[in-house]
Every structure is written in C-alpha cells, then in structure tokens.
Amino acid sequence: MEENAPKKRDKSIWVDVYNVLSDVSCCLVFVTILFVFAVRLVGVVGDSMYPTLHNGDRLTLLSNFLYEPQVGDIVVLKAVHFDEDSPIVKRVIADEGQTIDINFATGDVWVDGVLLDEPYINDPTTREEGMTFPLTVPENCIFVMGDNRLYSTDSRNPSIGCVDKRYVLGKALQIVLPISRFGGVS
C-alpha cells in the first residue's frame, strides 16, 4: 500500500496546480474585462482643472460604455482638436439644448438663465476665447470648461466648441495617485 501513496500525492499536486492556474486565469480575464469596459486609469496633464485636479494626478475613469455625461461631471475627452495623443479633462457645464451665457466682465456663467454657483473654480471666467454667447448647445453635444478658467482651453474656444458626446471617454471617479490626494473627484 505504501507504493500507492506517492502516486496519489503526485496527482493531488497537479490538481492543486491546475486549480491555482485556473483561478489566476479567471482573475486575469475579469480584470481585463473590467479595465476594457468599465474602469480605466488616466493621467491629468496641465493645470486647466486646478484646484480640483493637479498636473500629474492619476484618475480612475468610469468608461463611457454605460455612462451618459451629466452637468457638473468631470469628464475625460479624446483630444481631437489638439496635436496631443493624451486625453483632456474638463467639467461639463451645459448639456444639449441648454443655453449658456458668460459675462466676461464679471466672470459669471449662466445656464438657461440661472447663475451657476461654482465654488470649484480657481478664477472667474473673464477670458474670452472667440465663441459668441449666448450659445445653445447642439444635439448630442456638451459644453465643457476647465476649473482654472484663465488657463484652460475649452468650449469657449471655437477650435473646440461644443464637444460631441462620442468623444467622451468617461467620467472621472477618483484620484488614485498621488496617495496624498487619494479620494473622490467633484
């Protein structure tokens, strides 16, 4: 009987190895699907979203797979109007059909006749970039601006204008790096 014991043990080792490899494979498939269809990591380049986001912050991003941009959300967009390959990060100010007006003398931003309360901005919106206001956001588009209005190239600039929702990669959820700034984005 002692001769059979090592054979059973050898078989159980291979079963254990198979189970571990199977578990690791399932985890890798799950993580891959998660990062392809649901969550991504994106880096912030520049200071256009300061003080909310800083240059070099790394964000988790909810994919646009099941996401529809909402006013107030911080979104990541394909940079189709820039020479850069990296995406850009901006805040949704107005959605399709809404009318936006900006008083550049006072820095006030109005959407559908309502003055926005914008405690998140670094500077008032006093920099004109060539768009004519009031402006009604076209269908399937959003109007976006950075929180650091004096240093943001955004929908106020005719080269960007209102952004087609198809260029939205997703919603920024939280800062993951640096660890000292870990937390939600709002």
Protein backbone atom coordinates (compact mmCIF):
# COMPACT_ATOMS: atom_id res chain seq x y z
CA MET A 1 0.00 0.00 0.00
CA GLU A 2 2.86 2.35 0.58
CA GLU A 3 3.69 2.30 -3.12
CA ASN A 4 0.28 3.82 -4.00
CA ALA A 5 0.56 6.73 -1.58
CA PRO A 6 3.15 8.74 -3.56
CA LYS A 7 1.12 8.36 -6.78
CA LYS A 8 -1.99 9.77 -5.14
CA ARG A 9 0.05 12.62 -3.74
CA ASP A 10 1.56 13.39 -7.18
CA LYS A 11 -1.93 13.52 -8.66
CA SER A 12 -3.17 15.87 -5.95
CA ILE A 13 -0.24 18.26 -6.62
CA TRP A 14 -1.24 18.51 -10.29
CA VAL A 15 -4.85 19.10 -9.32
CA ASP A 16 -3.70 21.89 -6.99
CA VAL A 17 -1.53 23.43 -9.73
CA TYR A 18 -4.44 23.24 -12.17
CA ASN A 19 -6.78 24.90 -9.67
CA VAL A 20 -4.32 27.74 -8.99
CA LEU A 21 -3.72 28.33 -12.70
CA SER A 22 -7.45 28.25 -13.34
CA ASP A 23 -8.10 30.80 -10.59
CA VAL A 24 -5.30 33.10 -11.82
CA SER A 25 -6.61 32.88 -15.39
CA CYS A 26 -10.15 33.76 -14.29
CA CYS A 27 -8.85 36.73 -12.30
CA LEU A 28 -6.83 37.99 -15.28
CA VAL A 29 -9.85 37.71 -17.59
CA PHE A 30 -12.05 39.52 -15.06
CA VAL A 31 -9.52 42.35 -14.55
CA THR A 32 -9.02 42.71 -18.31
CA ILE A 33 -12.77 42.94 -18.94
CA LEU A 34 -13.12 45.38 -16.04
CA PHE A 35 -10.41 47.71 -17.39
CA VAL A 36 -11.54 47.46 -21.01
CA PHE A 37 -15.26 48.02 -20.47
CA ALA A 38 -15.73 49.67 -17.07
CA VAL A 39 -12.76 51.39 -15.45
CA ARG A 40 -9.57 52.97 -16.81
CA LEU A 41 -6.65 54.91 -15.37
CA VAL A 42 -5.96 58.36 -16.86
CA GLY A 43 -3.32 60.95 -16.09
CA VAL A 44 -4.02 64.69 -15.78
CA VAL A 45 -1.76 66.80 -17.99
CA GLY A 46 -1.62 70.54 -17.27
CA ASP A 47 -3.26 72.91 -14.82
CA SER A 48 -6.61 73.58 -16.53
CA MET A 49 -8.56 71.77 -13.77
CA TYR A 50 -6.70 73.30 -10.81
CA PRO A 51 -7.60 73.40 -7.88
CA THR A 52 -9.81 70.31 -8.30
CA LEU A 53 -7.14 68.31 -10.11
CA HIS A 54 -3.39 68.85 -10.28
CA ASN A 55 -0.92 68.22 -13.08
CA GLY A 56 0.23 64.60 -12.76
CA ASP A 57 -2.79 63.30 -10.83
CA ARG A 58 -3.87 59.80 -11.86
CA LEU A 59 -7.62 59.21 -12.01
CA THR A 60 -9.89 56.21 -12.20
CA LEU A 61 -12.31 56.69 -15.03
CA LEU A 62 -15.74 55.13 -15.44
CA SER A 63 -15.88 54.03 -19.06
CA ASN A 64 -18.40 55.57 -21.42
CA PHE A 65 -19.74 52.05 -22.06
CA LEU A 66 -22.83 52.69 -19.90
CA TYR A 67 -22.22 56.34 -18.99
CA GLU A 68 -24.08 59.46 -20.17
CA PRO A 69 -22.40 62.81 -19.30
CA GLN A 70 -24.24 64.96 -16.75
CA VAL A 71 -23.86 68.66 -15.95
CA GLY A 72 -21.24 69.08 -13.21
CA ASP A 73 -19.40 65.84 -14.01
CA ILE A 74 -15.68 65.89 -14.63
CA VAL A 75 -15.15 64.02 -17.88
CA VAL A 76 -12.21 62.78 -19.90
CA LEU A 77 -12.37 63.58 -23.61
CA LYS A 78 -10.48 62.47 -26.68
CA ALA A 79 -8.24 65.36 -27.65
CA VAL A 80 -9.40 65.52 -31.27
CA HIS A 81 -8.71 69.25 -31.57
CA PHE A 82 -5.18 69.14 -30.17
CA ASP A 83 -1.94 67.76 -31.55
CA GLU A 84 -1.58 65.65 -28.41
CA ASP A 85 -2.47 61.99 -28.11
CA SER A 86 -3.31 62.28 -24.42
CA PRO A 87 -6.94 62.84 -23.41
CA ILE A 88 -8.10 66.08 -21.79
CA VAL A 89 -10.05 66.52 -18.55
CA LYS A 90 -12.85 69.12 -18.25
CA ARG A 91 -16.07 69.81 -16.33
CA VAL A 92 -19.48 69.57 -18.07
CA ILE A 93 -21.14 72.98 -17.81
CA ALA A 94 -24.14 72.52 -20.11
CA ASP A 95 -25.84 69.66 -21.94
CA GLU A 96 -27.57 69.51 -25.31
CA GLY A 97 -30.38 72.02 -25.72
CA GLN A 98 -29.23 74.20 -22.81
CA THR A 99 -28.27 77.83 -23.41
CA ILE A 100 -25.06 79.12 -21.88
CA ASP A 101 -24.18 82.76 -21.44
CA ILE A 102 -20.99 84.21 -19.97
CA ASN A 103 -20.49 87.75 -18.71
CA PHE A 104 -16.74 88.13 -19.16
CA ALA A 105 -16.70 91.45 -17.29
CA THR A 106 -17.99 89.88 -14.06
CA GLY A 107 -16.93 86.28 -14.70
CA ASP A 108 -20.49 84.99 -14.24
CA VAL A 109 -21.69 81.90 -16.10
CA TRP A 110 -25.40 81.41 -16.73
CA VAL A 111 -27.14 78.24 -17.95
CA ASP A 112 -30.77 78.58 -19.06
CA GLY A 113 -30.95 81.94 -17.28
CA VAL A 114 -29.70 80.57 -13.94
CA LEU A 115 -26.42 81.84 -12.49
CA LEU A 116 -24.11 78.91 -11.74
CA ASP A 117 -22.73 78.51 -8.23
CA GLU A 118 -19.16 77.44 -8.98
CA PRO A 119 -17.18 77.08 -5.74
CA TYR A 120 -14.75 74.74 -7.52
CA ILE A 121 -13.23 77.33 -9.91
CA ASN A 122 -9.82 78.91 -9.38
CA ASP A 123 -10.57 82.20 -11.19
CA PRO A 124 -13.72 83.83 -12.55
CA THR A 125 -14.50 83.27 -16.24
CA THR A 126 -13.06 86.54 -17.58
CA ARG A 127 -11.04 85.19 -20.50
CA GLU A 128 -12.80 85.27 -23.87
CA GLU A 129 -11.65 82.80 -26.50
CA GLY A 130 -13.77 83.70 -29.54
CA MET A 131 -17.13 81.97 -29.11
CA THR A 132 -20.25 84.12 -29.30
CA PHE A 133 -22.64 83.99 -26.36
CA PRO A 134 -25.40 83.23 -25.56
CA LEU A 135 -24.91 79.82 -27.13
CA THR A 136 -27.32 76.89 -27.30
CA VAL A 137 -25.57 73.53 -27.06
CA PRO A 138 -26.34 71.40 -30.16
CA GLU A 139 -27.91 67.95 -30.01
CA ASN A 140 -25.59 65.14 -28.84
CA CYS A 141 -23.02 67.66 -27.57
CA ILE A 142 -21.83 69.10 -24.26
CA PHE A 143 -20.21 72.41 -23.29
CA VAL A 144 -17.10 71.89 -21.14
CA MET A 145 -14.74 74.19 -19.26
CA GLY A 146 -11.74 73.77 -17.01
CA ASP A 147 -11.91 74.85 -13.36
CA ASN A 148 -8.83 77.06 -13.83
CA ARG A 149 -10.62 79.33 -16.31
CA LEU A 150 -7.70 81.65 -17.07
CA TYR A 151 -5.51 78.68 -18.09
CA SER A 152 -7.98 76.37 -19.78
CA THR A 153 -8.57 75.84 -23.47
CA ASP A 154 -12.13 74.57 -23.59
CA SER A 155 -15.54 75.04 -25.25
CA ARG A 156 -15.08 78.82 -25.17
CA ASN A 157 -12.52 78.34 -27.93
CA PRO A 158 -14.01 77.92 -31.46
CA SER A 159 -11.40 75.25 -32.29
CA ILE A 160 -13.01 73.05 -29.61
CA GLY A 161 -16.53 74.45 -29.25
CA CYS A 162 -19.28 72.15 -28.08
CA VAL A 163 -17.93 68.61 -27.81
CA ASP A 164 -19.69 65.66 -29.42
CA LYS A 165 -20.61 63.12 -26.73
CA ARG A 166 -18.94 60.39 -28.79
CA TYR A 167 -15.58 61.92 -27.79
CA VAL A 168 -16.29 61.44 -24.07
CA LEU A 169 -14.15 58.58 -22.81
CA GLY A 170 -15.86 58.56 -19.42
CA LYS A 171 -16.38 60.18 -16.04
CA ALA A 172 -13.52 60.81 -13.62
CA LEU A 173 -14.34 58.99 -10.38
CA GLN A 174 -11.43 59.49 -8.01
CA ILE A 175 -7.81 60.44 -7.70
CA VAL A 176 -5.70 57.34 -7.07
CA LEU A 177 -2.23 58.89 -7.27
CA PRO A 178 -0.53 60.55 -5.58
CA ILE A 179 -1.72 58.73 -2.47
CA SER A 180 -1.71 62.03 -0.52
CA ARG A 181 -4.56 63.26 -2.78
CA PHE A 182 -6.48 59.94 -2.88
CA GLY A 183 -10.21 60.49 -2.94
CA GLY A 184 -13.32 61.34 -4.90
CA VAL A 185 -13.47 63.94 -7.65
CA SER A 186 -16.19 66.58 -7.61
